[in-house]
């Protein structure tokens, strides 16, 4: 590769760059390139670099590619560029995706297990075996995951008067995509696969604004309406036929610490939501001991840190709006004055 500015094009070919900036940049490259490249090298004081033979992890894009194949298996022809061909060709496409996922995910999972077990000091054969077992378990679970997603689709269609078809739900609803990714990620999380479930869930978070930790246990018939800003924590358990609106947080109230002041991990921190509960926009429900009883309705913007019995309605007292007539407005008429007076 050229060392000078020619590697980046001439000054004349660079939009907005004058004849002085070209030599300046070339001089900077000559003076600083070697030192800066050495400072940014993965081998120089970088504890989070992913280098073959060291961390040796699957890249984020590789995980997302596998996830897209998995979503394609769950919703054939819905999240790609067009419909699948019919008959034997469709079955062949499914077989191809299954084979690709089996190879790539088992390899990625083995790398993740190896890294979590100590990297170069761990046993590669054990990591490979665990990766294969986790991948096989997920592939075996795909039919049941799809059955659960069918209940989620019906819940969204029946729960949203704006939904025109179940296909619209599958192809366009961000909540449906986030739930589908979660059900895949949760299966891997339950199998003990490190890192990969979180990469998948954060990919969905990035695309939809919905943050579901892969550890959360969520029953069938789950519907997130609108979705943006929803947060569901790692130790949440959500029952059947639960509906959330945008901005709902099912989070931790506080974080326990050990004697050295470090956060204690692996304990129950997030609430449980029983069957047939509706939680409206902006509600915040916190704490590992908090349980929302079945068939309850939690109103918008409610703040809860304690349990609610079954069949409850929880809402904030509605504030009274204060209406003041704008008598200085040019459009303020005697009729407006009479109407304003009657409303006070």
Protein backbone atom coordinates (compact mmCIF):
# COMPACT_ATOMS: atom_id res chain seq x y z
CA UNK A 1 0.00 0.00 0.00
CA UNK A 2 1.18 3.50 -0.73
CA UNK A 3 2.51 5.32 2.28
CA UNK A 4 1.85 8.83 0.97
CA UNK A 5 -1.33 10.76 0.37
CA UNK A 6 -1.67 9.07 -3.03
CA UNK A 7 -3.28 6.11 -1.28
CA UNK A 8 -6.23 8.40 -0.51
CA UNK A 9 -6.36 10.17 -3.89
CA UNK A 10 -4.91 13.48 -4.91
CA UNK A 11 -5.99 16.74 -3.31
CA UNK A 12 -7.74 17.69 -6.54
CA UNK A 13 -9.84 14.50 -6.43
CA UNK A 14 -10.94 15.01 -2.83
CA UNK A 15 -14.09 17.14 -2.50
CA UNK A 16 -13.59 20.23 -0.36
CA UNK A 17 -9.81 19.79 -0.10
CA UNK A 18 -7.60 22.63 -1.29
CA UNK A 19 -4.04 22.44 -2.59
CA UNK A 20 -2.56 23.15 0.86
CA UNK A 21 -4.44 20.42 2.70
CA UNK A 22 -3.03 17.66 0.46
CA UNK A 23 0.60 18.20 1.45
CA UNK A 24 -0.45 18.72 5.10
CA UNK A 25 -2.21 15.37 5.21
CA UNK A 26 0.64 13.64 3.40
CA UNK A 27 3.11 15.04 5.92
CA UNK A 28 0.87 13.90 8.82
CA UNK A 29 0.73 10.38 7.37
CA UNK A 30 4.52 10.28 6.93
CA UNK A 31 5.09 11.57 10.45
CA UNK A 32 2.39 9.73 12.37
CA UNK A 33 1.23 6.61 10.55
CA UNK A 34 3.71 4.12 12.01
CA UNK A 35 3.32 5.34 15.56
CA UNK A 36 -0.49 5.57 15.45
CA UNK A 37 -0.85 2.14 13.82
CA UNK A 38 1.36 0.64 16.52
CA UNK A 39 -0.66 2.34 19.29
CA UNK A 40 -3.97 1.09 17.85
CA UNK A 41 -2.68 -2.41 17.14
CA UNK A 42 -4.70 -5.18 18.88
CA UNK A 43 -1.47 -6.38 20.49
CA UNK A 44 -0.90 -3.02 22.22
CA UNK A 45 -2.77 -2.56 25.50
CA UNK A 46 -6.21 -3.52 24.12
CA UNK A 47 -8.02 -5.96 26.38
CA UNK A 48 -11.09 -6.30 24.15
CA UNK A 49 -9.60 -7.01 20.74
CA UNK A 50 -10.86 -10.08 18.92
CA UNK A 51 -7.74 -11.69 17.47
CA UNK A 52 -7.41 -15.20 16.09
CA UNK A 53 -5.54 -17.39 18.55
CA UNK A 54 -6.46 -15.11 21.47
CA UNK A 55 -10.14 -14.18 21.91
CA UNK A 56 -10.97 -15.91 18.61
CA UNK A 57 -14.67 -15.00 18.91
CA UNK A 58 -17.24 -14.90 16.11
CA UNK A 59 -17.68 -11.36 14.83
CA UNK A 60 -20.89 -9.47 15.42
CA UNK A 61 -21.82 -9.62 11.74
CA UNK A 62 -21.32 -13.38 11.66
CA UNK A 63 -23.80 -13.78 14.54
CA UNK A 64 -26.32 -11.50 12.82
CA UNK A 65 -25.99 -13.50 9.59
CA UNK A 66 -26.90 -16.69 11.43
CA UNK A 67 -29.77 -14.91 13.17
CA UNK A 68 -31.16 -13.79 9.81
CA UNK A 69 -31.09 -17.40 8.59
CA UNK A 70 -32.94 -18.48 11.74
CA UNK A 71 -35.59 -15.79 11.29
CA UNK A 72 -35.87 -16.94 7.67
CA UNK A 73 -36.61 -20.48 8.87
CA UNK A 74 -39.28 -19.24 11.27
CA UNK A 75 -40.94 -16.90 8.73
CA UNK A 76 -40.06 -18.34 5.29
CA UNK A 77 -39.97 -15.74 2.55
CA UNK A 78 -41.12 -12.90 4.82
CA UNK A 79 -37.86 -11.19 5.78
CA UNK A 80 -35.89 -11.70 2.59
CA UNK A 81 -35.97 -9.98 -0.77
CA UNK A 82 -38.97 -11.91 -2.11
CA UNK A 83 -41.13 -15.04 -1.82
CA UNK A 84 -39.65 -18.50 -1.88
CA UNK A 85 -40.16 -20.73 -4.87
CA UNK A 86 -42.80 -23.41 -4.33
CA UNK A 87 -42.61 -27.18 -3.92
CA UNK A 88 -39.27 -28.94 -3.85
CA UNK A 89 -37.36 -25.69 -4.35
CA UNK A 90 -38.83 -24.25 -1.14
CA UNK A 91 -37.89 -27.38 0.80
CA UNK A 92 -34.42 -27.22 -0.70
CA UNK A 93 -34.04 -23.62 0.48
CA UNK A 94 -35.08 -24.64 3.99
CA UNK A 95 -32.59 -27.52 3.98
CA UNK A 96 -29.86 -25.15 2.84
CA UNK A 97 -30.59 -22.70 5.67
CA UNK A 98 -30.66 -25.48 8.26
CA UNK A 99 -27.30 -26.83 7.06
CA UNK A 100 -25.76 -23.35 7.04
CA UNK A 101 -27.02 -22.58 10.55
CA UNK A 102 -25.81 -25.96 11.83
CA UNK A 103 -22.29 -25.35 10.57
CA UNK A 104 -21.92 -21.66 11.36
CA UNK A 105 -23.71 -21.52 14.71
CA UNK A 106 -21.95 -24.61 16.10
CA UNK A 107 -18.63 -23.00 15.16
CA UNK A 108 -19.60 -19.67 16.71
CA UNK A 109 -20.92 -21.30 19.88
CA UNK A 110 -17.73 -23.36 20.23
CA UNK A 111 -15.66 -20.17 20.02
CA UNK A 112 -17.87 -18.50 22.62
CA UNK A 113 -17.61 -21.47 25.00
CA UNK A 114 -13.84 -21.57 24.51
CA UNK A 115 -13.51 -17.85 25.28
CA UNK A 116 -15.74 -18.08 28.37
CA UNK A 117 -13.74 -21.07 29.63
CA UNK A 118 -10.38 -19.33 29.50
CA UNK A 119 -9.53 -18.87 25.84
CA UNK A 120 -6.19 -20.45 24.83
CA UNK A 121 -6.05 -22.32 28.15
CA UNK A 122 -9.41 -24.11 27.69
CA UNK A 123 -10.08 -27.46 26.04
CA UNK A 124 -11.09 -26.96 22.38
CA UNK A 125 -12.68 -30.41 22.09
CA UNK A 126 -15.01 -29.73 25.01
CA UNK A 127 -15.93 -26.32 23.60
CA UNK A 128 -16.71 -27.86 20.20
CA UNK A 129 -18.90 -30.53 21.78
CA UNK A 130 -20.83 -27.95 23.79
CA UNK A 131 -21.26 -25.80 20.69
CA UNK A 132 -22.67 -28.71 18.71
CA UNK A 133 -25.01 -29.73 21.53
CA UNK A 134 -26.37 -26.19 21.92
CA UNK A 135 -26.87 -25.81 18.18
CA UNK A 136 -28.67 -29.14 17.87
CA UNK A 137 -30.91 -28.22 20.81
CA UNK A 138 -31.87 -24.94 19.15
CA UNK A 139 -32.56 -26.56 15.78
CA UNK A 140 -34.71 -29.22 17.46
CA UNK A 141 -36.62 -26.44 19.27
CA UNK A 142 -37.40 -24.38 16.15
CA UNK A 143 -40.81 -26.02 15.46
CA UNK A 144 -41.99 -25.31 19.02
CA UNK A 145 -40.56 -21.77 18.84
CA UNK A 146 -42.51 -21.21 15.63
CA UNK A 147 -45.70 -22.51 17.30
CA UNK A 148 -45.20 -20.01 20.12
CA UNK A 149 -44.59 -17.22 17.61
CA UNK A 150 -47.87 -18.10 15.89
CA UNK A 151 -49.62 -17.32 19.17
CA UNK A 152 -47.69 -14.05 19.38
CA UNK A 153 -48.81 -13.16 15.83
CA UNK A 154 -52.46 -13.85 16.66
CA UNK A 155 -52.18 -11.77 19.85
CA UNK A 156 -50.82 -8.83 17.86
CA UNK A 157 -53.45 -9.11 15.15
CA UNK A 158 -56.34 -9.43 17.59
CA UNK A 159 -54.92 -6.82 19.96
CA UNK A 160 -54.32 -4.03 17.44
CA UNK A 161 -57.31 -2.58 15.56
CA UNK A 162 -54.87 -1.08 13.02
CA UNK A 163 -53.57 -4.53 11.97
CA UNK A 164 -55.01 -5.51 8.60
CA UNK A 165 -53.54 -9.01 8.42
CA UNK A 166 -51.25 -11.42 10.23
CA UNK A 167 -48.76 -11.03 7.37
CA UNK A 168 -48.62 -7.29 8.10
CA UNK A 169 -47.75 -8.14 11.70
CA UNK A 170 -44.93 -10.48 10.67
CA UNK A 171 -43.41 -8.26 8.00
CA UNK A 172 -43.69 -4.82 9.59
CA UNK A 173 -44.25 -4.84 13.36
CA UNK A 174 -41.05 -4.11 15.33
CA UNK A 175 -42.48 -5.82 18.39
CA UNK A 176 -42.95 -9.03 16.43
CA UNK A 177 -39.35 -8.95 15.21
CA UNK A 178 -38.04 -8.28 18.72
CA UNK A 179 -40.06 -11.18 20.15
CA UNK A 180 -38.92 -13.56 17.39
CA UNK A 181 -35.27 -12.70 18.03
CA UNK A 182 -35.83 -13.06 21.75
CA UNK A 183 -37.28 -16.55 21.46
CA UNK A 184 -34.21 -17.67 19.50
CA UNK A 185 -31.76 -15.89 21.80
CA UNK A 186 -33.49 -17.22 24.92
CA UNK A 187 -33.12 -20.82 23.70
CA UNK A 188 -29.37 -20.30 23.33
CA UNK A 189 -29.21 -18.49 26.68
CA UNK A 190 -31.00 -21.41 28.37
CA UNK A 191 -28.45 -23.77 26.80
CA UNK A 192 -25.69 -21.77 28.48
CA UNK A 193 -24.19 -20.28 25.30
CA UNK A 194 -22.09 -17.22 26.23
CA UNK A 195 -22.16 -13.88 24.40
CA UNK A 196 -24.10 -14.89 21.26
CA UNK A 197 -27.61 -14.53 22.77
CA UNK A 198 -26.76 -11.00 23.92
CA UNK A 199 -25.40 -10.03 20.50
CA UNK A 200 -28.68 -11.22 18.97
CA UNK A 201 -30.88 -9.39 21.47
CA UNK A 202 -28.92 -6.15 21.11
CA UNK A 203 -29.24 -6.41 17.32
CA UNK A 204 -33.02 -6.45 17.79
CA UNK A 205 -32.69 -3.59 20.29
CA UNK A 206 -30.77 -1.53 17.74
CA UNK A 207 -33.35 -2.18 15.01
CA UNK A 208 -36.52 -1.75 17.07
CA UNK A 209 -35.76 0.26 20.21
CA UNK A 210 -37.05 -2.71 22.25
CA UNK A 211 -34.60 -4.05 24.84
CA UNK A 212 -35.35 -7.63 25.92
CA UNK A 213 -32.60 -9.45 27.79
CA UNK A 214 -32.25 -13.02 26.46
CA UNK A 215 -32.62 -14.38 29.99
CA UNK A 216 -36.22 -13.17 30.36
CA UNK A 217 -38.85 -15.94 30.33
CA UNK A 218 -41.85 -14.93 28.21
CA UNK A 219 -44.97 -17.00 27.65
CA UNK A 220 -46.91 -17.34 24.38
CA UNK A 221 -49.37 -14.79 23.08
CA UNK A 222 -47.05 -11.89 23.95
CA UNK A 223 -47.66 -8.56 22.22
CA UNK A 224 -45.67 -5.33 22.39
CA UNK A 225 -47.70 -2.54 20.79
CA UNK A 226 -45.65 0.28 19.20
CA UNK A 227 -42.66 -0.90 21.20
CA UNK A 228 -40.15 1.92 21.34
CA UNK A 229 -38.51 2.22 24.74
CA UNK A 230 -39.69 -1.10 26.20
CA UNK A 231 -37.15 -2.65 28.60
CA UNK A 232 -37.48 -6.21 29.96
CA UNK A 233 -34.80 -7.33 32.40
CA UNK A 234 -32.88 -10.58 32.59
CA UNK A 235 -34.78 -12.21 35.47
CA UNK A 236 -38.31 -11.24 34.40
CA UNK A 237 -40.92 -13.94 34.05
CA UNK A 238 -43.92 -13.01 31.90
CA UNK A 239 -46.98 -15.22 31.62
CA UNK A 240 -49.35 -15.98 28.77
CA UNK A 241 -51.26 -13.38 26.74
CA UNK A 242 -49.52 -10.33 28.19
CA UNK A 243 -49.65 -7.01 26.34
CA UNK A 244 -47.19 -4.11 26.78
CA UNK A 245 -47.26 -0.67 25.26
CA UNK A 246 -44.35 1.61 24.43
CA UNK A 247 -42.02 2.85 27.13
CA UNK A 248 -42.78 0.11 29.68
CA UNK A 249 -39.89 -0.82 31.96
CA UNK A 250 -39.72 -4.11 33.84
CA UNK A 251 -36.51 -3.40 35.67
CA UNK A 252 -34.42 -3.74 38.81
CA UNK A 253 -35.12 -1.63 41.86
CA UNK A 254 -31.58 -1.80 43.28
CA UNK A 255 -28.41 -3.82 42.90
CA UNK A 256 -27.08 -5.96 45.74
CA UNK A 257 -23.33 -5.73 46.42
CA UNK A 258 -20.91 -8.10 48.07
CA UNK A 259 -18.50 -7.28 50.90
CA UNK A 260 -16.03 -5.79 48.43
CA UNK A 261 -18.61 -3.49 46.87
CA UNK A 262 -18.99 -5.48 43.65
CA UNK A 263 -22.41 -6.10 42.11
CA UNK A 264 -23.85 -9.52 42.94
CA UNK A 265 -24.90 -11.22 39.71
CA UNK A 266 -27.22 -14.13 39.05
CA UNK A 267 -29.92 -13.19 41.59
CA UNK A 268 -33.57 -12.32 40.99
CA UNK A 269 -33.77 -8.57 40.27
CA UNK A 270 -36.78 -8.03 37.99
CA UNK A 271 -40.55 -8.37 38.41
CA UNK A 272 -42.89 -11.18 37.40
CA UNK A 273 -46.01 -10.55 35.33
CA UNK A 274 -48.74 -13.19 35.41
CA UNK A 275 -51.20 -14.18 32.67
CA UNK A 276 -53.57 -11.79 30.86
CA UNK A 277 -51.99 -8.57 32.12
CA UNK A 278 -52.04 -5.29 30.17
CA UNK A 279 -49.42 -2.63 30.96
CA UNK A 280 -49.92 0.76 29.35
CA UNK A 281 -47.38 3.24 28.02
CA UNK A 282 -44.65 4.57 30.25
CA UNK A 283 -45.36 2.34 33.25
CA UNK A 284 -42.33 1.41 35.36
CA UNK A 285 -42.41 -1.78 37.44
CA UNK A 286 -39.31 -2.59 39.47
CA UNK A 287 -37.92 -5.20 41.83
CA UNK A 288 -37.30 -8.91 42.04
CA UNK A 289 -40.07 -9.41 44.62
CA UNK A 290 -42.71 -7.51 42.65
CA UNK A 291 -45.47 -9.65 41.14
CA UNK A 292 -48.29 -8.33 38.96
CA UNK A 293 -51.25 -10.65 39.52
CA UNK A 294 -53.11 -12.19 36.60
CA UNK A 295 -55.83 -10.31 34.73
CA UNK A 296 -54.61 -6.94 36.01
CA UNK A 297 -54.37 -3.63 34.16
CA UNK A 298 -51.52 -1.22 34.91
CA UNK A 299 -52.23 2.30 33.71
CA UNK A 300 -49.95 4.65 31.83
CA UNK A 301 -46.99 6.20 33.68
CA UNK A 302 -47.63 4.21 36.86
CA UNK A 303 -44.60 3.64 39.12
CA UNK A 304 -44.72 0.32 41.01
CA UNK A 305 -42.21 -1.22 43.43
CA UNK A 306 -44.59 -3.60 45.19
CA UNK A 307 -46.84 -6.48 44.17
CA UNK A 308 -50.37 -6.12 42.88
CA UNK A 309 -53.08 -8.75 43.53
CA UNK A 310 -54.85 -10.53 40.70
CA UNK A 311 -57.65 -8.75 38.82
CA UNK A 312 -56.48 -5.27 39.87
CA UNK A 313 -56.59 -1.94 38.08
CA UNK A 314 -53.73 0.39 38.94
CA UNK A 315 -53.69 3.97 37.73
CA UNK A 316 -52.55 7.41 38.75
CA UNK A 317 -55.11 9.96 39.85
CA UNK A 318 -55.89 12.07 36.83
CA UNK A 319 -54.68 15.66 37.24
CA UNK A 320 -57.17 18.38 36.38
CA UNK A 321 -56.08 20.46 33.36
CA UNK A 322 -56.22 24.22 33.92
CA UNK A 323 -57.74 26.06 30.94
CA UNK A 324 -57.00 29.80 30.73
CA UNK A 325 -58.65 31.90 27.97
CA UNK A 326 -56.25 33.93 25.85
CA UNK A 327 -58.18 37.21 25.91
CA UNK A 328 -55.36 39.00 24.07
CA UNK A 329 -55.75 36.85 20.98
CA UNK A 330 -56.99 38.70 17.92
CA UNK A 331 -59.39 35.82 17.26
CA UNK A 332 -60.95 35.86 20.75
CA UNK A 333 -64.70 36.52 20.26
CA UNK A 334 -67.60 37.15 22.69
CA UNK A 335 -68.72 33.56 22.01
CA UNK A 336 -65.28 32.33 23.06
CA UNK A 337 -65.52 34.38 26.24
CA UNK A 338 -68.88 32.83 27.09
CA UNK A 339 -67.59 29.30 26.43
CA UNK A 340 -64.42 29.92 28.46
CA UNK A 341 -66.42 31.26 31.39
CA UNK A 342 -68.68 28.20 31.41
CA UNK A 343 -65.68 25.86 31.49
CA UNK A 344 -64.06 27.44 34.54
